[in-house]
Amino acid sequence: IGEEIAGLVNEEQDKGYHKVEFDG
């Protein structure tokens, strides 16, 4: 229903490809 339940990234990052592993 659109409620935020987790913040995975919230920071300044450099140009380029990034990836995050999420554990549910």
PDB file of all heavy atoms in Angstrom:
ATOM      1  N   ILE A   1       0.820  -1.219   0.000  1.00  0.00           N
ATOM      2  CA  ILE A   1       0.000   0.000   0.000  1.00  0.00           C
ATOM      3  C   ILE A   1       0.850   1.264   0.000  1.00  0.00           C
ATOM      4  O   ILE A   1       0.351   2.356   0.226  1.00  0.00           O
ATOM      5  CB  ILE A   1      -1.014   0.009   1.165  1.00  0.00           C
ATOM      6  CG1 ILE A   1      -0.315  -0.059   2.522  1.00  0.00           C
ATOM      7  CG2 ILE A   1      -2.022  -1.104   1.014  1.00  0.00           C
ATOM      8  CD1 ILE A   1      -1.254   0.149   3.693  1.00  0.00           C
ATOM      9  N   GLY A   2       2.148   1.109  -0.254  1.00  0.00           N
ATOM     10  CA  GLY A   2       3.020   2.259  -0.438  1.00  0.00           C
ATOM     11  C   GLY A   2       3.671   2.813   0.808  1.00  0.00           C
ATOM     12  O   GLY A   2       4.309   3.860   0.746  1.00  0.00           O
ATOM     13  N   GLU A   3       3.554   2.132   1.931  1.00  0.00           N
ATOM     14  CA  GLU A   3       4.206   2.581   3.160  1.00  0.00           C
ATOM     15  C   GLU A   3       5.666   2.155   3.161  1.00  0.00           C
ATOM     16  O   GLU A   3       5.979   1.013   2.814  1.00  0.00           O
ATOM     17  CB  GLU A   3       3.519   1.981   4.386  1.00  0.00           C
ATOM     18  CG  GLU A   3       2.090   2.415   4.561  1.00  0.00           C
ATOM     19  CD  GLU A   3       1.370   1.652   5.652  1.00  0.00           C
ATOM     20  OE1 GLU A   3       1.684   0.475   5.901  1.00  0.00           O
ATOM     21  OE2 GLU A   3       0.473   2.257   6.264  1.00  0.00           O
ATOM     22  N   GLU A   4       6.537   3.064   3.540  1.00  0.00           N
ATOM     23  CA  GLU A   4       7.970   2.751   3.608  1.00  0.00           C
ATOM     24  C   GLU A   4       8.218   1.840   4.802  1.00  0.00           C
ATOM     25  O   GLU A   4       7.866   2.163   5.926  1.00  0.00           O
ATOM     26  CB  GLU A   4       8.775   4.037   3.751  1.00  0.00           C
ATOM     27  CG  GLU A   4      10.265   3.809   3.714  1.00  0.00           C
ATOM     28  CD  GLU A   4      11.060   5.095   3.761  1.00  0.00           C
ATOM     29  OE1 GLU A   4      10.654   6.065   3.085  1.00  0.00           O
ATOM     30  OE2 GLU A   4      12.075   5.119   4.470  1.00  0.00           O
ATOM     31  N   ILE A   5       8.825   0.666   4.542  1.00  0.00           N
ATOM     32  CA  ILE A   5       9.086  -0.268   5.636  1.00  0.00           C
ATOM     33  C   ILE A   5      10.576  -0.485   5.889  1.00  0.00           C
ATOM     34  O   ILE A   5      10.940  -1.055   6.912  1.00  0.00           O
ATOM     35  CB  ILE A   5       8.379  -1.624   5.406  1.00  0.00           C
ATOM     36  CG1 ILE A   5       8.791  -2.260   4.090  1.00  0.00           C
ATOM     37  CG2 ILE A   5       6.875  -1.453   5.477  1.00  0.00           C
ATOM     38  CD1 ILE A   5       8.261  -3.655   3.898  1.00  0.00           C
ATOM     39  N   ALA A   6      11.430  -0.033   4.966  1.00  0.00           N
ATOM     40  CA  ALA A   6      12.872  -0.157   5.185  1.00  0.00           C
ATOM     41  C   ALA A   6      13.610   0.831   4.296  1.00  0.00           C
ATOM     42  O   ALA A   6      13.216   1.074   3.156  1.00  0.00           O
ATOM     43  CB  ALA A   6      13.360  -1.575   4.883  1.00  0.00           C
ATOM     44  N   GLY A   7      14.679   1.391   4.846  1.00  0.00           N
ATOM     45  CA  GLY A   7      15.583   2.223   4.069  1.00  0.00           C
ATOM     46  C   GLY A   7      16.808   1.396   3.718  1.00  0.00           C
ATOM     47  O   GLY A   7      17.493   0.897   4.603  1.00  0.00           O
ATOM     48  N   LEU A   8      17.069   1.213   2.446  1.00  0.00           N
ATOM     49  CA  LEU A   8      18.193   0.383   2.014  1.00  0.00           C
ATOM     50  C   LEU A   8      19.451   1.210   1.773  1.00  0.00           C
ATOM     51  O   LEU A   8      20.553   0.767   2.060  1.00  0.00           O
ATOM     52  CB  LEU A   8      17.820  -0.394   0.748  1.00  0.00           C
ATOM     53  CG  LEU A   8      16.528  -1.220   0.842  1.00  0.00           C
ATOM     54  CD1 LEU A   8      16.240  -1.894  -0.486  1.00  0.00           C
ATOM     55  CD2 LEU A   8      16.615  -2.231   1.966  1.00  0.00           C
ATOM     56  N   VAL A   9      19.282   2.404   1.212  1.00  0.00           N
ATOM     57  CA  VAL A   9      20.396   3.328   0.963  1.00  0.00           C
ATOM     58  C   VAL A   9      19.872   4.741   1.179  1.00  0.00           C
ATOM     59  O   VAL A   9      18.765   5.059   0.757  1.00  0.00           O
ATOM     60  CB  VAL A   9      20.934   3.195  -0.490  1.00  0.00           C
ATOM     61  CG1 VAL A   9      21.976   4.258  -0.792  1.00  0.00           C
ATOM     62  CG2 VAL A   9      21.477   1.814  -0.759  1.00  0.00           C
ATOM     63  N   ASN A  10      20.677   5.578   1.816  1.00  0.00           N
ATOM     64  CA  ASN A  10      20.331   6.991   1.956  1.00  0.00           C
ATOM     65  C   ASN A  10      21.632   7.751   2.175  1.00  0.00           C
ATOM     66  O   ASN A  10      21.949   8.137   3.306  1.00  0.00           O
ATOM     67  CB  ASN A  10      19.350   7.232   3.095  1.00  0.00           C
ATOM     68  CG  ASN A  10      18.806   8.648   3.095  1.00  0.00           C
ATOM     69  OD1 ASN A  10      19.028   9.404   2.158  1.00  0.00           O
ATOM     70  ND2 ASN A  10      18.108   9.009   4.151  1.00  0.00           N
ATOM     71  N   GLU A  11      22.387   7.948   1.089  1.00  0.00           N
ATOM     72  CA  GLU A  11      23.688   8.602   1.189  1.00  0.00           C
ATOM     73  C   GLU A  11      24.131   9.130  -0.156  1.00  0.00           C
ATOM     74  O   GLU A  11      23.617   8.727  -1.194  1.00  0.00           O
ATOM     75  CB  GLU A  11      24.739   7.625   1.725  1.00  0.00           C
ATOM     76  CG  GLU A  11      24.990   6.455   0.799  1.00  0.00           C
ATOM     77  CD  GLU A  11      25.914   5.409   1.407  1.00  0.00           C
ATOM     78  OE1 GLU A  11      26.137   5.421   2.620  1.00  0.00           O
ATOM     79  OE2 GLU A  11      26.409   4.577   0.634  1.00  0.00           O
ATOM     80  N   GLU A  12      25.098  10.023  -0.128  1.00  0.00           N
ATOM     81  CA  GLU A  12      25.677  10.526  -1.373  1.00  0.00           C
ATOM     82  C   GLU A  12      26.592   9.441  -1.938  1.00  0.00           C
ATOM     83  O   GLU A  12      27.410   8.874  -1.210  1.00  0.00           O
ATOM     84  CB  GLU A  12      26.455  11.812  -1.130  1.00  0.00           C
ATOM     85  CG  GLU A  12      26.928  12.441  -2.427  1.00  0.00           C
ATOM     86  CD  GLU A  12      27.480  13.835  -2.220  1.00  0.00           C
ATOM     87  OE1 GLU A  12      28.276  14.021  -1.296  1.00  0.00           O
ATOM     88  OE2 GLU A  12      27.114  14.704  -3.020  1.00  0.00           O
ATOM     89  N   GLN A  13      26.426   9.166  -3.217  1.00  0.00           N
ATOM     90  CA  GLN A  13      27.219   8.129  -3.876  1.00  0.00           C
ATOM     91  C   GLN A  13      27.788   8.666  -5.177  1.00  0.00           C
ATOM     92  O   GLN A  13      27.227   9.557  -5.799  1.00  0.00           O
ATOM     93  CB  GLN A  13      26.375   6.890  -4.157  1.00  0.00           C
ATOM     94  CG  GLN A  13      25.913   6.191  -2.897  1.00  0.00           C
ATOM     95  CD  GLN A  13      25.149   4.927  -3.189  1.00  0.00           C
ATOM     96  OE1 GLN A  13      24.349   4.869  -4.108  1.00  0.00           O
ATOM     97  NE2 GLN A  13      25.398   3.902  -2.391  1.00  0.00           N
ATOM     98  N   ASP A  14      28.907   8.084  -5.596  1.00  0.00           N
ATOM     99  CA  ASP A  14      29.560   8.477  -6.838  1.00  0.00           C
ATOM    100  C   ASP A  14      28.793   7.977  -8.049  1.00  0.00           C
ATOM    101  O   ASP A  14      27.997   7.044  -7.968  1.00  0.00           O
ATOM    102  CB  ASP A  14      30.987   7.923  -6.887  1.00  0.00           C
ATOM    103  CG  ASP A  14      31.904   8.615  -5.904  1.00  0.00           C
ATOM    104  OD1 ASP A  14      31.689   9.811  -5.626  1.00  0.00           O
ATOM    105  OD2 ASP A  14      32.835   7.959  -5.392  1.00  0.00           O
ATOM    106  N   LYS A  15      29.072   8.587  -9.179  1.00  0.00           N
ATOM    107  CA  LYS A  15      28.534   8.160 -10.462  1.00  0.00           C
ATOM    108  C   LYS A  15      28.932   6.711 -10.704  1.00  0.00           C
ATOM    109  O   LYS A  15      30.016   6.276 -10.307  1.00  0.00           O
ATOM    110  CB  LYS A  15      29.120   9.040 -11.570  1.00  0.00           C
ATOM    111  CG  LYS A  15      28.782   8.587 -12.964  1.00  0.00           C
ATOM    112  CD  LYS A  15      29.451   9.464 -13.997  1.00  0.00           C
ATOM    113  CE  LYS A  15      29.135   8.949 -15.388  1.00  0.00           C
ATOM    114  NZ  LYS A  15      29.639   9.833 -16.425  1.00  0.00           N
ATOM    115  N   GLY A  16      28.041   5.948 -11.348  1.00  0.00           N
ATOM    116  CA  GLY A  16      28.378   4.578 -11.715  1.00  0.00           C
ATOM    117  C   GLY A  16      27.341   3.573 -11.256  1.00  0.00           C
ATOM    118  O   GLY A  16      26.253   3.916 -10.815  1.00  0.00           O
ATOM    119  N   TYR A  17      27.727   2.303 -11.360  1.00  0.00           N
ATOM    120  CA  TYR A  17      26.847   1.190 -11.017  1.00  0.00           C
ATOM    121  C   TYR A  17      26.997   0.850  -9.540  1.00  0.00           C
ATOM    122  O   TYR A  17      28.111   0.768  -9.019  1.00  0.00           O
ATOM    123  CB  TYR A  17      27.179  -0.033 -11.879  1.00  0.00           C
ATOM    124  CG  TYR A  17      26.333  -1.235 -11.543  1.00  0.00           C
ATOM    125  CD1 TYR A  17      25.004  -1.289 -11.931  1.00  0.00           C
ATOM    126  CD2 TYR A  17      26.855  -2.296 -10.819  1.00  0.00           C
ATOM    127  CE1 TYR A  17      24.214  -2.384 -11.619  1.00  0.00           C
ATOM    128  CE2 TYR A  17      26.078  -3.390 -10.498  1.00  0.00           C
ATOM    129  CZ  TYR A  17      24.758  -3.427 -10.902  1.00  0.00           C
ATOM    130  OH  TYR A  17      23.971  -4.505 -10.581  1.00  0.00           O
ATOM    131  N   HIS A  18      25.872   0.645  -8.880  1.00  0.00           N
ATOM    132  CA  HIS A  18      25.853   0.268  -7.463  1.00  0.00           C
ATOM    133  C   HIS A  18      24.881  -0.893  -7.296  1.00  0.00           C
ATOM    134  O   HIS A  18      23.932  -1.025  -8.066  1.00  0.00           O
ATOM    135  CB  HIS A  18      25.380   1.437  -6.592  1.00  0.00           C
ATOM    136  CG  HIS A  18      26.211   2.661  -6.735  1.00  0.00           C
ATOM    137  ND1 HIS A  18      27.316   2.904  -5.958  1.00  0.00           N
ATOM    138  CD2 HIS A  18      26.117   3.708  -7.592  1.00  0.00           C
ATOM    139  CE1 HIS A  18      27.852   4.051  -6.309  1.00  0.00           C
ATOM    140  NE2 HIS A  18      27.143   4.560  -7.312  1.00  0.00           N
ATOM    141  N   LYS A  19      25.107  -1.710  -6.275  1.00  0.00           N
ATOM    142  CA  LYS A  19      24.142  -2.758  -5.980  1.00  0.00           C
ATOM    143  C   LYS A  19      24.042  -2.947  -4.476  1.00  0.00           C
ATOM    144  O   LYS A  19      24.984  -2.690  -3.729  1.00  0.00           O
ATOM    145  CB  LYS A  19      24.473  -4.062  -6.689  1.00  0.00           C
ATOM    146  CG  LYS A  19      25.745  -4.730  -6.280  1.00  0.00           C
ATOM    147  CD  LYS A  19      25.944  -5.996  -7.097  1.00  0.00           C
ATOM    148  CE  LYS A  19      27.257  -6.658  -6.717  1.00  0.00           C
ATOM    149  NZ  LYS A  19      27.457  -7.894  -7.464  1.00  0.00           N
ATOM    150  N   VAL A  20      22.856  -3.395  -4.057  1.00  0.00           N
ATOM    151  CA  VAL A  20      22.541  -3.603  -2.652  1.00  0.00           C
ATOM    152  C   VAL A  20      21.945  -4.992  -2.511  1.00  0.00           C
ATOM    153  O   VAL A  20      21.083  -5.382  -3.304  1.00  0.00           O
ATOM    154  CB  VAL A  20      21.502  -2.563  -2.165  1.00  0.00           C
ATOM    155  CG1 VAL A  20      21.040  -2.856  -0.765  1.00  0.00           C
ATOM    156  CG2 VAL A  20      22.055  -1.169  -2.266  1.00  0.00           C
ATOM    157  N   GLU A  21      22.392  -5.733  -1.512  1.00  0.00           N
ATOM    158  CA  GLU A  21      21.774  -7.020  -1.217  1.00  0.00           C
ATOM    159  C   GLU A  21      20.765  -6.805  -0.099  1.00  0.00           C
ATOM    160  O   GLU A  21      21.087  -6.219   0.938  1.00  0.00           O
ATOM    161  CB  GLU A  21      22.818  -8.054  -0.813  1.00  0.00           C
ATOM    162  CG  GLU A  21      22.194  -9.420  -0.692  1.00  0.00           C
ATOM    163  CD  GLU A  21      23.193 -10.540  -0.894  1.00  0.00           C
ATOM    164  OE1 GLU A  21      23.964 -10.474  -1.861  1.00  0.00           O
ATOM    165  OE2 GLU A  21      23.169 -11.462  -0.076  1.00  0.00           O
ATOM    166  N   PHE A  22      19.551  -7.279  -0.324  1.00  0.00           N
ATOM    167  CA  PHE A  22      18.487  -7.122   0.650  1.00  0.00           C
ATOM    168  C   PHE A  22      18.104  -8.468   1.235  1.00  0.00           C
ATOM    169  O   PHE A  22      17.897  -9.437   0.509  1.00  0.00           O
ATOM    170  CB  PHE A  22      17.262  -6.465  -0.004  1.00  0.00           C
ATOM    171  CG  PHE A  22      16.059  -6.447   0.892  1.00  0.00           C
ATOM    172  CD1 PHE A  22      16.048  -5.665   2.036  1.00  0.00           C
ATOM    173  CD2 PHE A  22      14.964  -7.233   0.619  1.00  0.00           C
ATOM    174  CE1 PHE A  22      14.955  -5.663   2.886  1.00  0.00           C
ATOM    175  CE2 PHE A  22      13.869  -7.234   1.449  1.00  0.00           C
ATOM    176  CZ  PHE A  22      13.865  -6.449   2.592  1.00  0.00           C
ATOM    177  N   ASP A  23      17.993  -8.533   2.562  1.00  0.00           N
ATOM    178  CA  ASP A  23      17.600  -9.742   3.268  1.00  0.00           C
ATOM    179  C   ASP A  23      16.169  -9.567   3.776  1.00  0.00           C
ATOM    180  O   ASP A  23      15.914  -8.758   4.660  1.00  0.00           O
ATOM    181  CB  ASP A  23      18.553  -9.994   4.439  1.00  0.00           C
ATOM    182  CG  ASP A  23      18.243 -11.267   5.198  1.00  0.00           C
ATOM    183  OD1 ASP A  23      17.212 -11.916   4.916  1.00  0.00           O
ATOM    184  OD2 ASP A  23      19.042 -11.624   6.087  1.00  0.00           O
ATOM    185  N   GLY A  24      15.256 -10.326   3.220  1.00  0.00           N
ATOM    186  CA  GLY A  24      13.850 -10.222   3.599  1.00  0.00           C
ATOM    187  C   GLY A  24      13.411 -11.292   4.581  1.00  0.00           C
ATOM    188  O   GLY A  24      12.220 -11.588   4.671  1.00  0.00           O
TER     189      GLY A  24
END
